[in-house]
């Protein structure tokens, strides 16, 4: 039987809800999937996600503002990476739970 006393303290619930809300857009999830293994430039992300530069910038700013990703400048390029190892662990867990060995219904 599950432990009935298992709760997340309120401040953590609020922080977690804000984090998940920030990640919950399809484009932001795609960006985070791409950034799991390496840092990428804005242009590389735009190419992989196949949307406009302005749209990618908007989503990157939301992720940066929430502290989910960080960036560094190198000459004319801005490289993005996930800032917290826990986000990578969360993304891997979601991929394992929801995507592993499963065909998407739209692809049938």
PDB file of N, CA and C in Angstrom:
ATOM      1  N   UNK A   1       0.845  -1.180   0.000  1.00  0.00           N
ATOM      2  CA  UNK A   1       0.000   0.000   0.000  1.00  0.00           C
ATOM      3  C   UNK A   1       0.891   1.243   0.000  1.00  0.00           C
ATOM      4  N   UNK A   2       0.584   2.261  -0.835  1.00  0.00           N
ATOM      5  CA  UNK A   2       1.400   3.469  -0.890  1.00  0.00           C
ATOM      6  C   UNK A   2       1.379   4.212   0.438  1.00  0.00           C
ATOM      7  N   UNK A   3       2.466   4.899   0.714  1.00  0.00           N
ATOM      8  CA  UNK A   3       2.591   5.709   1.925  1.00  0.00           C
ATOM      9  C   UNK A   3       1.673   6.924   1.802  1.00  0.00           C
ATOM     10  N   UNK A   4       0.654   7.003   2.646  1.00  0.00           N
ATOM     11  CA  UNK A   4      -0.330   8.087   2.596  1.00  0.00           C
ATOM     12  C   UNK A   4       0.251   9.422   3.049  1.00  0.00           C
ATOM     13  N   UNK A   5       1.359   9.405   3.780  1.00  0.00           N
ATOM     14  CA  UNK A   5       1.955  10.632   4.299  1.00  0.00           C
ATOM     15  C   UNK A   5       2.974  11.242   3.347  1.00  0.00           C
ATOM     16  N   UNK A   6       3.065  10.713   2.182  1.00  0.00           N
ATOM     17  CA  UNK A   6       4.064  11.165   1.221  1.00  0.00           C
ATOM     18  C   UNK A   6       3.531  12.380   0.466  1.00  0.00           C
ATOM     19  N   UNK A   7       3.973  13.554   0.840  1.00  0.00           N
ATOM     20  CA  UNK A   7       3.567  14.778   0.163  1.00  0.00           C
ATOM     21  C   UNK A   7       4.800  15.633  -0.097  1.00  0.00           C
ATOM     22  N   UNK A   8       4.681  16.481  -1.081  1.00  0.00           N
ATOM     23  CA  UNK A   8       5.739  17.436  -1.390  1.00  0.00           C
ATOM     24  C   UNK A   8       5.399  18.714  -0.636  1.00  0.00           C
ATOM     25  N   UNK A   9       6.364  19.285   0.102  1.00  0.00           N
ATOM     26  CA  UNK A   9       6.091  20.537   0.821  1.00  0.00           C
ATOM     27  C   UNK A   9       5.619  21.632  -0.142  1.00  0.00           C
ATOM     28  N   UNK A  10       4.689  22.463   0.319  1.00  0.00           N
ATOM     29  CA  UNK A  10       4.060  23.484  -0.516  1.00  0.00           C
ATOM     30  C   UNK A  10       5.039  24.332  -1.329  1.00  0.00           C
ATOM     31  N   UNK A  11       6.132  24.842  -0.735  1.00  0.00           N
ATOM     32  CA  UNK A  11       7.043  25.652  -1.567  1.00  0.00           C
ATOM     33  C   UNK A  11       7.610  24.855  -2.743  1.00  0.00           C
ATOM     34  N   UNK A  12       7.872  23.583  -2.546  1.00  0.00           N
ATOM     35  CA  UNK A  12       8.387  22.743  -3.619  1.00  0.00           C
ATOM     36  C   UNK A  12       7.311  22.462  -4.660  1.00  0.00           C
ATOM     37  N   UNK A  13       6.080  22.309  -4.220  1.00  0.00           N
ATOM     38  CA  UNK A  13       4.970  22.088  -5.153  1.00  0.00           C
ATOM     39  C   UNK A  13       4.839  23.291  -6.082  1.00  0.00           C
ATOM     40  N   UNK A  14       4.899  24.482  -5.529  1.00  0.00           N
ATOM     41  CA  UNK A  14       4.790  25.704  -6.334  1.00  0.00           C
ATOM     42  C   UNK A  14       5.932  25.799  -7.338  1.00  0.00           C
ATOM     43  N   UNK A  15       7.156  25.540  -6.872  1.00  0.00           N
ATOM     44  CA  UNK A  15       8.324  25.596  -7.765  1.00  0.00           C
ATOM     45  C   UNK A  15       8.222  24.547  -8.862  1.00  0.00           C
ATOM     46  N   UNK A  16       7.823  23.342  -8.499  1.00  0.00           N
ATOM     47  CA  UNK A  16       7.698  22.266  -9.473  1.00  0.00           C
ATOM     48  C   UNK A  16       6.604  22.560 -10.492  1.00  0.00           C
ATOM     49  N   UNK A  17       5.491  23.107 -10.034  1.00  0.00           N
ATOM     50  CA  UNK A  17       4.395  23.456 -10.950  1.00  0.00           C
ATOM     51  C   UNK A  17       4.851  24.519 -11.946  1.00  0.00           C
ATOM     52  N   UNK A  18       5.595  25.501 -11.480  1.00  0.00           N
ATOM     53  CA  UNK A  18       6.107  26.553 -12.368  1.00  0.00           C
ATOM     54  C   UNK A  18       7.099  25.972 -13.369  1.00  0.00           C
ATOM     55  N   UNK A  19       7.968  25.095 -12.912  1.00  0.00           N
ATOM     56  CA  UNK A  19       8.931  24.438 -13.792  1.00  0.00           C
ATOM     57  C   UNK A  19       8.215  23.646 -14.883  1.00  0.00           C
ATOM     58  N   UNK A  20       7.263  22.809 -14.492  1.00  0.00           N
ATOM     59  CA  UNK A  20       6.545  21.978 -15.460  1.00  0.00           C
ATOM     60  C   UNK A  20       5.720  22.828 -16.423  1.00  0.00           C
ATOM     61  N   UNK A  21       5.140  23.902 -15.925  1.00  0.00           N
ATOM     62  CA  UNK A  21       4.386  24.811 -16.793  1.00  0.00           C
ATOM     63  C   UNK A  21       5.318  25.430 -17.833  1.00  0.00           C
ATOM     64  N   UNK A  22       6.521  25.792 -17.414  1.00  0.00           N
ATOM     65  CA  UNK A  22       7.490  26.388 -18.337  1.00  0.00           C
ATOM     66  C   UNK A  22       7.943  25.405 -19.408  1.00  0.00           C
ATOM     67  N   UNK A  23       7.945  24.134 -19.092  1.00  0.00           N
ATOM     68  CA  UNK A  23       8.399  23.103 -20.022  1.00  0.00           C
ATOM     69  C   UNK A  23       7.272  22.576 -20.908  1.00  0.00           C
ATOM     70  N   UNK A  24       6.029  22.895 -20.605  1.00  0.00           N
ATOM     71  CA  UNK A  24       4.893  22.159 -21.161  1.00  0.00           C
ATOM     72  C   UNK A  24       4.460  22.541 -22.577  1.00  0.00           C
ATOM     73  N   UNK A  25       5.181  23.362 -23.253  1.00  0.00           N
ATOM     74  CA  UNK A  25       4.858  23.683 -24.647  1.00  0.00           C
ATOM     75  C   UNK A  25       5.606  22.715 -25.564  1.00  0.00           C
ATOM     76  N   UNK A  26       4.971  22.229 -26.640  1.00  0.00           N
ATOM     77  CA  UNK A  26       5.636  21.263 -27.523  1.00  0.00           C
ATOM     78  C   UNK A  26       6.995  21.729 -28.060  1.00  0.00           C
ATOM     79  N   UNK A  27       7.111  22.991 -28.415  1.00  0.00           N
ATOM     80  CA  UNK A  27       8.399  23.477 -28.930  1.00  0.00           C
ATOM     81  C   UNK A  27       9.444  23.481 -27.825  1.00  0.00           C
ATOM     82  N   UNK A  28       9.058  23.875 -26.612  1.00  0.00           N
ATOM     83  CA  UNK A  28      10.029  23.874 -25.506  1.00  0.00           C
ATOM     84  C   UNK A  28      10.448  22.458 -25.152  1.00  0.00           C
ATOM     85  N   UNK A  29       9.517  21.507 -25.225  1.00  0.00           N
ATOM     86  CA  UNK A  29       9.899  20.107 -24.984  1.00  0.00           C
ATOM     87  C   UNK A  29      10.871  19.617 -26.052  1.00  0.00           C
ATOM     88  N   UNK A  30      10.638  19.992 -27.310  1.00  0.00           N
ATOM     89  CA  UNK A  30      11.566  19.611 -28.375  1.00  0.00           C
ATOM     90  C   UNK A  30      12.942  20.211 -28.131  1.00  0.00           C
ATOM     91  N   UNK A  31      12.973  21.476 -27.731  1.00  0.00           N
ATOM     92  CA  UNK A  31      14.252  22.133 -27.444  1.00  0.00           C
ATOM     93  C   UNK A  31      14.988  21.389 -26.336  1.00  0.00           C
ATOM     94  N   UNK A  32      14.284  21.049 -25.273  1.00  0.00           N
ATOM     95  CA  UNK A  32      14.915  20.350 -24.154  1.00  0.00           C
ATOM     96  C   UNK A  32      15.386  18.955 -24.553  1.00  0.00           C
ATOM     97  N   UNK A  33      14.633  18.276 -25.400  1.00  0.00           N
ATOM     98  CA  UNK A  33      15.083  16.973 -25.905  1.00  0.00           C
ATOM     99  C   UNK A  33      16.402  17.127 -26.656  1.00  0.00           C
ATOM    100  N   UNK A  34      16.497  18.160 -27.479  1.00  0.00           N
ATOM    101  CA  UNK A  34      17.715  18.397 -28.242  1.00  0.00           C
ATOM    102  C   UNK A  34      18.901  18.731 -27.352  1.00  0.00           C
ATOM    103  N   UNK A  35      18.646  19.439 -26.267  1.00  0.00           N
ATOM    104  CA  UNK A  35      19.732  19.909 -25.404  1.00  0.00           C
ATOM    105  C   UNK A  35      20.151  18.888 -24.346  1.00  0.00           C
ATOM    106  N   UNK A  36      19.521  17.734 -24.307  1.00  0.00           N
ATOM    107  CA  UNK A  36      19.881  16.723 -23.296  1.00  0.00           C
ATOM    108  C   UNK A  36      21.338  16.290 -23.382  1.00  0.00           C
ATOM    109  N   UNK A  37      21.841  16.145 -24.607  1.00  0.00           N
ATOM    110  CA  UNK A  37      23.161  15.549 -24.804  1.00  0.00           C
ATOM    111  C   UNK A  37      24.261  16.543 -25.128  1.00  0.00           C
ATOM    112  N   UNK A  38      23.876  17.754 -25.548  1.00  0.00           N
ATOM    113  CA  UNK A  38      24.905  18.710 -25.970  1.00  0.00           C
ATOM    114  C   UNK A  38      24.327  20.117 -26.004  1.00  0.00           C
ATOM    115  N   UNK A  39      25.225  21.092 -26.045  1.00  0.00           N
ATOM    116  CA  UNK A  39      24.763  22.455 -26.232  1.00  0.00           C
ATOM    117  C   UNK A  39      24.644  22.732 -27.719  1.00  0.00           C
ATOM    118  N   UNK A  40      23.700  23.603 -28.059  1.00  0.00           N
ATOM    119  CA  UNK A  40      23.428  23.924 -29.457  1.00  0.00           C
ATOM    120  C   UNK A  40      23.266  25.424 -29.627  1.00  0.00           C
ATOM    121  N   UNK A  41      23.583  25.901 -30.832  1.00  0.00           N
ATOM    122  CA  UNK A  41      23.347  27.306 -31.143  1.00  0.00           C
ATOM    123  C   UNK A  41      21.861  27.516 -31.425  1.00  0.00           C
ATOM    124  N   UNK A  42      21.465  28.769 -31.409  1.00  0.00           N
ATOM    125  CA  UNK A  42      20.077  29.102 -31.736  1.00  0.00           C
ATOM    126  C   UNK A  42      19.753  28.618 -33.151  1.00  0.00           C
ATOM    127  N   UNK A  43      20.680  28.810 -34.081  1.00  0.00           N
ATOM    128  CA  UNK A  43      20.464  28.376 -35.462  1.00  0.00           C
ATOM    129  C   UNK A  43      20.290  26.870 -35.578  1.00  0.00           C
ATOM    130  N   UNK A  44      21.086  26.111 -34.831  1.00  0.00           N
ATOM    131  CA  UNK A  44      20.955  24.647 -34.851  1.00  0.00           C
ATOM    132  C   UNK A  44      19.603  24.214 -34.289  1.00  0.00           C
ATOM    133  N   UNK A  45      19.179  24.867 -33.233  1.00  0.00           N
ATOM    134  CA  UNK A  45      17.871  24.549 -32.641  1.00  0.00           C
ATOM    135  C   UNK A  45      16.763  24.881 -33.635  1.00  0.00           C
ATOM    136  N   UNK A  46      16.854  26.056 -34.246  1.00  0.00           N
ATOM    137  CA  UNK A  46      15.840  26.477 -35.223  1.00  0.00           C
ATOM    138  C   UNK A  46      15.726  25.462 -36.360  1.00  0.00           C
ATOM    139  N   UNK A  47      16.858  24.989 -36.863  1.00  0.00           N
ATOM    140  CA  UNK A  47      16.855  24.008 -37.946  1.00  0.00           C
ATOM    141  C   UNK A  47      16.203  22.699 -37.506  1.00  0.00           C
ATOM    142  N   UNK A  48      16.543  22.230 -36.329  1.00  0.00           N
ATOM    143  CA  UNK A  48      16.007  20.954 -35.834  1.00  0.00           C
ATOM    144  C   UNK A  48      14.509  21.036 -35.532  1.00  0.00           C
ATOM    145  N   UNK A  49      14.079  22.154 -34.998  1.00  0.00           N
ATOM    146  CA  UNK A  49      12.674  22.302 -34.602  1.00  0.00           C
ATOM    147  C   UNK A  49      11.808  22.761 -35.784  1.00  0.00           C
ATOM    148  N   UNK A  50      12.448  23.315 -36.807  1.00  0.00           N
ATOM    149  CA  UNK A  50      11.763  23.751 -38.027  1.00  0.00           C
ATOM    150  C   UNK A  50      10.692  24.802 -37.758  1.00  0.00           C
ATOM    151  N   UNK A  51      11.132  25.900 -37.153  1.00  0.00           N
ATOM    152  CA  UNK A  51      10.252  27.047 -36.942  1.00  0.00           C
ATOM    153  C   UNK A  51      11.083  28.307 -37.106  1.00  0.00           C
ATOM    154  N   UNK A  52      10.459  29.457 -36.976  1.00  0.00           N
ATOM    155  CA  UNK A  52      11.156  30.725 -37.206  1.00  0.00           C
ATOM    156  C   UNK A  52      12.128  31.046 -36.074  1.00  0.00           C
ATOM    157  N   UNK A  53      13.112  31.862 -36.402  1.00  0.00           N
ATOM    158  CA  UNK A  53      14.068  32.308 -35.398  1.00  0.00           C
ATOM    159  C   UNK A  53      13.402  33.077 -34.270  1.00  0.00           C
ATOM    160  N   UNK A  54      12.425  33.904 -34.621  1.00  0.00           N
ATOM    161  CA  UNK A  54      11.711  34.678 -33.597  1.00  0.00           C
ATOM    162  C   UNK A  54      10.966  33.749 -32.638  1.00  0.00           C
ATOM    163  N   UNK A  55      10.353  32.708 -33.167  1.00  0.00           N
ATOM    164  CA  UNK A  55       9.618  31.755 -32.343  1.00  0.00           C
ATOM    165  C   UNK A  55      10.575  31.007 -31.408  1.00  0.00           C
ATOM    166  N   UNK A  56      11.704  30.562 -31.937  1.00  0.00           N
ATOM    167  CA  UNK A  56      12.693  29.867 -31.111  1.00  0.00           C
ATOM    168  C   UNK A  56      13.200  30.797 -30.014  1.00  0.00           C
ATOM    169  N   UNK A  57      13.509  32.040 -30.367  1.00  0.00           N
ATOM    170  CA  UNK A  57      14.003  32.996 -29.380  1.00  0.00           C
ATOM    171  C   UNK A  57      13.006  33.210 -28.251  1.00  0.00           C
ATOM    172  N   UNK A  58      11.730  33.294 -28.596  1.00  0.00           N
ATOM    173  CA  UNK A  58      10.688  33.468 -27.583  1.00  0.00           C
ATOM    174  C   UNK A  58      10.693  32.293 -26.601  1.00  0.00           C
ATOM    175  N   UNK A  59      10.763  31.082 -27.127  1.00  0.00           N
ATOM    176  CA  UNK A  59      10.740  29.899 -26.262  1.00  0.00           C
ATOM    177  C   UNK A  59      12.043  29.760 -25.459  1.00  0.00           C
ATOM    178  N   UNK A  60      13.169  30.084 -26.068  1.00  0.00           N
ATOM    179  CA  UNK A  60      14.436  30.056 -25.331  1.00  0.00           C
ATOM    180  C   UNK A  60      14.421  31.059 -24.185  1.00  0.00           C
ATOM    181  N   UNK A  61      13.851  32.244 -24.417  1.00  0.00           N
ATOM    182  CA  UNK A  61      13.768  33.253 -23.355  1.00  0.00           C
ATOM    183  C   UNK A  61      12.925  32.768 -22.181  1.00  0.00           C
ATOM    184  N   UNK A  62      11.846  32.075 -22.448  1.00  0.00           N
ATOM    185  CA  UNK A  62      11.015  31.528 -21.365  1.00  0.00           C
ATOM    186  C   UNK A  62      11.814  30.512 -20.565  1.00  0.00           C
ATOM    187  N   UNK A  63      12.517  29.617 -21.262  1.00  0.00           N
ATOM    188  CA  UNK A  63      13.323  28.601 -20.571  1.00  0.00           C
ATOM    189  C   UNK A  63      14.466  29.237 -19.785  1.00  0.00           C
ATOM    190  N   UNK A  64      15.085  30.273 -20.338  1.00  0.00           N
ATOM    191  CA  UNK A  64      16.165  30.971 -19.629  1.00  0.00           C
ATOM    192  C   UNK A  64      15.625  31.692 -18.397  1.00  0.00           C
ATOM    193  N   UNK A  65      14.509  32.372 -18.573  1.00  0.00           N
ATOM    194  CA  UNK A  65      13.915  33.134 -17.468  1.00  0.00           C
ATOM    195  C   UNK A  65      13.592  32.230 -16.275  1.00  0.00           C
ATOM    196  N   UNK A  66      13.218  30.998 -16.536  1.00  0.00           N
ATOM    197  CA  UNK A  66      12.897  30.044 -15.467  1.00  0.00           C
ATOM    198  C   UNK A  66      14.134  29.300 -14.965  1.00  0.00           C
ATOM    199  N   UNK A  67      15.299  29.588 -15.536  1.00  0.00           N
ATOM    200  CA  UNK A  67      16.526  28.949 -15.080  1.00  0.00           C
ATOM    201  C   UNK A  67      16.686  27.515 -15.574  1.00  0.00           C
ATOM    202  N   UNK A  68      15.917  27.137 -16.584  1.00  0.00           N
ATOM    203  CA  UNK A  68      15.967  25.772 -17.107  1.00  0.00           C
ATOM    204  C   UNK A  68      17.165  25.600 -18.036  1.00  0.00           C
ATOM    205  N   UNK A  69      17.444  26.638 -18.824  1.00  0.00           N
ATOM    206  CA  UNK A  69      18.623  26.607 -19.684  1.00  0.00           C
ATOM    207  C   UNK A  69      19.467  27.844 -19.409  1.00  0.00           C
ATOM    208  N   UNK A  70      20.717  27.775 -19.840  1.00  0.00           N
ATOM    209  CA  UNK A  70      21.606  28.926 -19.786  1.00  0.00           C
ATOM    210  C   UNK A  70      22.340  28.997 -21.117  1.00  0.00           C
ATOM    211  N   UNK A  71      23.032  30.090 -21.342  1.00  0.00           N
ATOM    212  CA  UNK A  71      23.708  30.249 -22.622  1.00  0.00           C
ATOM    213  C   UNK A  71      25.090  30.845 -22.416  1.00  0.00           C
ATOM    214  N   UNK A  72      25.891  30.698 -23.443  1.00  0.00           N
ATOM    215  CA  UNK A  72      27.190  31.357 -23.487  1.00  0.00           C
ATOM    216  C   UNK A  72      27.394  31.895 -24.897  1.00  0.00           C
ATOM    217  N   UNK A  73      28.117  32.999 -24.977  1.00  0.00           N
ATOM    218  CA  UNK A  73      28.433  33.590 -26.270  1.00  0.00           C
ATOM    219  C   UNK A  73      29.830  33.161 -26.689  1.00  0.00           C
ATOM    220  N   UNK A  74      29.973  32.874 -27.967  1.00  0.00           N
ATOM    221  CA  UNK A  74      31.274  32.580 -28.544  1.00  0.00           C
ATOM    222  C   UNK A  74      31.291  33.241 -29.911  1.00  0.00           C
ATOM    223  N   UNK A  75      31.987  34.357 -29.995  1.00  0.00           N
ATOM    224  CA  UNK A  75      32.016  35.177 -31.215  1.00  0.00           C
ATOM    225  C   UNK A  75      30.584  35.576 -31.574  1.00  0.00           C
ATOM    226  N   UNK A  76      30.105  35.177 -32.730  1.00  0.00           N
ATOM    227  CA  UNK A  76      28.757  35.552 -33.173  1.00  0.00           C
ATOM    228  C   UNK A  76      27.699  34.512 -32.850  1.00  0.00           C
ATOM    229  N   UNK A  77      28.042  33.516 -32.076  1.00  0.00           N
ATOM    230  CA  UNK A  77      27.115  32.426 -31.787  1.00  0.00           C
ATOM    231  C   UNK A  77      26.717  32.426 -30.318  1.00  0.00           C
ATOM    232  N   UNK A  78      25.474  32.045 -30.067  1.00  0.00           N
ATOM    233  CA  UNK A  78      24.976  31.857 -28.705  1.00  0.00           C
ATOM    234  C   UNK A  78      24.687  30.372 -28.546  1.00  0.00           C
ATOM    235  N   UNK A  79      25.373  29.746 -27.613  1.00  0.00           N
ATOM    236  CA  UNK A  79      25.202  28.318 -27.347  1.00  0.00           C
ATOM    237  C   UNK A  79      24.304  28.138 -26.136  1.00  0.00           C
ATOM    238  N   UNK A  80      23.326  27.264 -26.253  1.00  0.00           N
ATOM    239  CA  UNK A  80      22.374  26.987 -25.180  1.00  0.00           C
ATOM    240  C   UNK A  80      22.614  25.598 -24.622  1.00  0.00           C
ATOM    241  N   UNK A  81      22.378  25.466 -23.314  1.00  0.00           N
ATOM    242  CA  UNK A  81      22.504  24.165 -22.651  1.00  0.00           C
ATOM    243  C   UNK A  81      21.561  24.134 -21.460  1.00  0.00           C
ATOM    244  N   UNK A  82      21.192  22.926 -21.068  1.00  0.00           N
ATOM    245  CA  UNK A  82      20.360  22.755 -19.878  1.00  0.00           C
ATOM    246  C   UNK A  82      21.226  23.076 -18.667  1.00  0.00           C
ATOM    247  N   UNK A  83      20.692  23.867 -17.752  1.00  0.00           N
ATOM    248  CA  UNK A  83      21.487  24.386 -16.646  1.00  0.00           C
ATOM    249  C   UNK A  83      21.510  23.500 -15.403  1.00  0.00           C
ATOM    250  N   UNK A  84      20.619  22.530 -15.329  1.00  0.00           N
ATOM    251  CA  UNK A  84      20.493  21.718 -14.121  1.00  0.00           C
ATOM    252  C   UNK A  84      20.390  20.250 -14.522  1.00  0.00           C
ATOM    253  N   UNK A  85      21.250  19.439 -13.982  1.00  0.00           N
ATOM    254  CA  UNK A  85      21.279  18.005 -14.294  1.00  0.00           C
ATOM    255  C   UNK A  85      19.932  17.341 -14.008  1.00  0.00           C
ATOM    256  N   UNK A  86      19.179  17.866 -13.046  1.00  0.00           N
ATOM    257  CA  UNK A  86      17.871  17.292 -12.718  1.00  0.00           C
ATOM    258  C   UNK A  86      16.894  17.408 -13.880  1.00  0.00           C
ATOM    259  N   UNK A  87      17.028  18.465 -14.687  1.00  0.00           N
ATOM    260  CA  UNK A  87      16.164  18.627 -15.860  1.00  0.00           C
ATOM    261  C   UNK A  87      16.477  17.529 -16.871  1.00  0.00           C
ATOM    262  N   UNK A  88      17.753  17.241 -17.053  1.00  0.00           N
ATOM    263  CA  UNK A  88      18.148  16.165 -17.961  1.00  0.00           C
ATOM    264  C   UNK A  88      17.585  14.837 -17.465  1.00  0.00           C
ATOM    265  N   UNK A  89      17.694  14.588 -16.162  1.00  0.00           N
ATOM    266  CA  UNK A  89      17.149  13.358 -15.581  1.00  0.00           C
ATOM    267  C   UNK A  89      15.635  13.285 -15.787  1.00  0.00           C
ATOM    268  N   UNK A  90      14.943  14.394 -15.604  1.00  0.00           N
ATOM    269  CA  UNK A  90      13.496  14.450 -15.819  1.00  0.00           C
ATOM    270  C   UNK A  90      13.148  14.177 -17.278  1.00  0.00           C
ATOM    271  N   UNK A  91      13.870  14.787 -18.202  1.00  0.00           N
ATOM    272  CA  UNK A  91      13.613  14.571 -19.627  1.00  0.00           C
ATOM    273  C   UNK A  91      13.845  13.109 -19.997  1.00  0.00           C
ATOM    274  N   UNK A  92      14.899  12.512 -19.478  1.00  0.00           N
ATOM    275  CA  UNK A  92      15.188  11.105 -19.761  1.00  0.00           C
ATOM    276  C   UNK A  92      14.092  10.200 -19.202  1.00  0.00           C
ATOM    277  N   UNK A  93      13.617  10.527 -17.999  1.00  0.00           N
ATOM    278  CA  UNK A  93      12.543   9.723 -17.395  1.00  0.00           C
ATOM    279  C   UNK A  93      11.259   9.837 -18.214  1.00  0.00           C
ATOM    280  N   UNK A  94      10.919  11.038 -18.649  1.00  0.00           N
ATOM    281  CA  UNK A  94       9.705  11.209 -19.467  1.00  0.00           C
ATOM    282  C   UNK A  94       9.841  10.465 -20.785  1.00  0.00           C
ATOM    283  N   UNK A  95      11.015  10.515 -21.384  1.00  0.00           N
ATOM    284  CA  UNK A  95      11.233   9.794 -22.642  1.00  0.00           C
ATOM    285  C   UNK A  95      11.104   8.291 -22.433  1.00  0.00           C
ATOM    286  N   UNK A  96      11.686   7.798 -21.358  1.00  0.00           N
ATOM    287  CA  UNK A  96      11.628   6.363 -21.046  1.00  0.00           C
ATOM    288  C   UNK A  96      10.182   5.924 -20.781  1.00  0.00           C
ATOM    289  N   UNK A  97       9.428   6.720 -20.053  1.00  0.00           N
ATOM    290  CA  UNK A  97       8.063   6.362 -19.673  1.00  0.00           C
ATOM    291  C   UNK A  97       7.091   6.491 -20.843  1.00  0.00           C
ATOM    292  N   UNK A  98       7.215   7.580 -21.599  1.00  0.00           N
ATOM    293  CA  UNK A  98       6.204   7.884 -22.612  1.00  0.00           C
ATOM    294  C   UNK A  98       6.598   7.550 -24.043  1.00  0.00           C
ATOM    295  N   UNK A  99       7.877   7.360 -24.316  1.00  0.00           N
ATOM    296  CA  UNK A  99       8.301   7.213 -25.708  1.00  0.00           C
ATOM    297  C   UNK A  99       8.992   5.894 -26.032  1.00  0.00           C
ATOM    298  N   UNK A 100       9.535   5.220 -25.070  1.00  0.00           N
ATOM    299  CA  UNK A 100      10.349   4.033 -25.334  1.00  0.00           C
ATOM    300  C   UNK A 100       9.538   2.915 -25.976  1.00  0.00           C
ATOM    301  N   UNK A 101       9.978   2.495 -27.145  1.00  0.00           N
ATOM    302  CA  UNK A 101       9.378   1.344 -27.816  1.00  0.00           C
ATOM    303  C   UNK A 101       7.933   1.513 -28.219  1.00  0.00           C
ATOM    304  N   UNK A 102       7.479   2.731 -28.291  1.00  0.00           N
ATOM    305  CA  UNK A 102       6.071   2.980 -28.584  1.00  0.00           C
ATOM    306  C   UNK A 102       5.932   3.734 -29.888  1.00  0.00           C
ATOM    307  N   UNK A 103       5.048   3.287 -30.743  1.00  0.00           N
ATOM    308  CA  UNK A 103       4.756   4.013 -31.969  1.00  0.00           C
ATOM    309  C   UNK A 103       3.704   5.076 -31.674  1.00  0.00           C
ATOM    310  N   UNK A 104       3.910   6.252 -32.221  1.00  0.00           N
ATOM    311  CA  UNK A 104       2.945   7.322 -32.057  1.00  0.00           C
ATOM    312  C   UNK A 104       1.695   6.997 -32.876  1.00  0.00           C
ATOM    313  N   UNK A 105       0.503   7.141 -32.283  1.00  0.00           N
ATOM    314  CA  UNK A 105      -0.741   6.794 -32.994  1.00  0.00           C
ATOM    315  C   UNK A 105      -0.886   7.495 -34.347  1.00  0.00           C
ATOM    316  N   UNK A 106      -0.388   8.704 -34.493  1.00  0.00           N
ATOM    317  CA  UNK A 106      -0.504   9.425 -35.758  1.00  0.00           C
ATOM    318  C   UNK A 106       0.359   8.821 -36.846  1.00  0.00           C
ATOM    319  N   UNK A 107       1.335   7.997 -36.479  1.00  0.00           N
ATOM    320  CA  UNK A 107       2.222   7.387 -37.460  1.00  0.00           C
ATOM    321  C   UNK A 107       1.766   6.012 -37.897  1.00  0.00           C
ATOM    322  N   UNK A 108       0.661   5.521 -37.381  1.00  0.00           N
ATOM    323  CA  UNK A 108       0.178   4.178 -37.748  1.00  0.00           C
ATOM    324  C   UNK A 108      -0.396   4.151 -39.135  1.00  0.00           C
TER     325      UNK A 108
END
